[in-house]
């Protein structure tokens, strides 16, 4: 099942299916290693749910919700 990264729950994992943005923002997202085929796990969220912390390739990174909106993930059950 594919979901928007923003809608994923804490400790949920999956594989990035698509990154639907180009330009500078798309390049920035891809430079962080968020490319299709990459495994991710949601670690948590700030108290107001923005930003979201995730594990990618052994590192913890954070994304604002407006950035996460462009990423679709094939979630693991």
Protein backbone atom coordinates (compact mmCIF):
# COMPACT_ATOMS: atom_id res chain seq x y z
CA UNK A 1 0.00 0.00 0.00
CA UNK A 2 1.36 3.46 -0.93
CA UNK A 3 0.91 6.38 1.44
CA UNK A 4 2.15 9.92 1.68
CA UNK A 5 5.13 10.10 4.07
CA UNK A 6 3.30 12.69 6.20
CA UNK A 7 0.58 10.12 6.96
CA UNK A 8 2.95 7.42 8.22
CA UNK A 9 2.87 6.49 11.91
CA UNK A 10 5.77 6.49 14.35
CA UNK A 11 7.94 3.34 13.99
CA UNK A 12 6.33 2.54 10.63
CA UNK A 13 8.75 1.58 7.87
CA UNK A 14 8.65 1.29 4.12
CA UNK A 15 10.38 1.88 0.82
CA UNK A 16 10.27 5.18 -1.02
CA UNK A 17 8.20 4.71 -4.18
CA UNK A 18 8.29 8.20 -5.71
CA UNK A 19 9.52 11.73 -5.08
CA UNK A 20 7.07 14.04 -6.82
CA UNK A 21 8.95 17.33 -6.94
CA UNK A 22 11.69 18.79 -9.09
CA UNK A 23 13.82 21.89 -8.96
CA UNK A 24 15.84 22.91 -5.92
CA UNK A 25 13.55 21.17 -3.43
CA UNK A 26 13.61 17.92 -5.38
CA UNK A 27 17.40 18.07 -5.60
CA UNK A 28 17.66 18.76 -1.85
CA UNK A 29 15.43 15.79 -1.01
CA UNK A 30 17.40 13.49 -3.29
CA UNK A 31 20.73 14.78 -1.93
CA UNK A 32 19.61 13.60 1.53
CA UNK A 33 19.38 10.07 0.11
CA UNK A 34 15.60 10.04 -0.25
CA UNK A 35 15.35 8.35 -3.62
CA UNK A 36 13.01 5.62 -4.90
CA UNK A 37 14.00 2.20 -3.56
CA UNK A 38 15.41 3.54 -0.27
CA UNK A 39 14.22 1.96 3.00
CA UNK A 40 13.04 4.43 5.65
CA UNK A 41 11.57 4.25 9.16
CA UNK A 42 9.64 7.02 10.90
CA UNK A 43 11.31 7.63 14.28
CA UNK A 44 9.07 10.33 15.65
CA UNK A 45 7.65 13.80 15.33
CA UNK A 46 8.07 17.11 17.07
CA UNK A 47 5.35 18.08 19.58
CA UNK A 48 3.37 19.96 16.90
CA UNK A 49 3.95 17.09 14.39
CA UNK A 50 6.40 19.11 12.29
CA UNK A 51 9.13 18.15 11.49
CA UNK A 52 9.21 14.37 11.17
CA UNK A 53 12.37 12.40 12.08
CA UNK A 54 13.27 9.36 10.02
CA UNK A 55 16.03 6.79 9.71
CA UNK A 56 17.64 6.55 6.29
CA UNK A 57 20.74 4.44 5.57
CA UNK A 58 21.83 4.47 9.22
CA UNK A 59 21.35 8.22 9.73
CA UNK A 60 18.56 10.19 11.35
CA UNK A 61 17.27 13.13 9.33
CA UNK A 62 14.32 15.46 9.69
CA UNK A 63 11.91 16.74 7.08
CA UNK A 64 9.27 19.41 7.31
CA UNK A 65 5.76 18.22 6.51
CA UNK A 66 5.65 20.36 3.36
CA UNK A 67 8.72 18.41 2.13
CA UNK A 68 7.34 15.02 3.20
CA UNK A 69 4.17 15.74 1.21
CA UNK A 70 6.10 15.12 -2.03
CA UNK A 71 7.26 11.61 -1.03
CA UNK A 72 5.15 8.47 -1.47
CA UNK A 73 6.16 5.35 0.44
CA UNK A 74 5.27 1.69 -0.07
CA UNK A 75 4.66 0.76 3.57
CA UNK A 76 5.57 -2.56 5.17
CA UNK A 77 2.81 -4.41 6.98
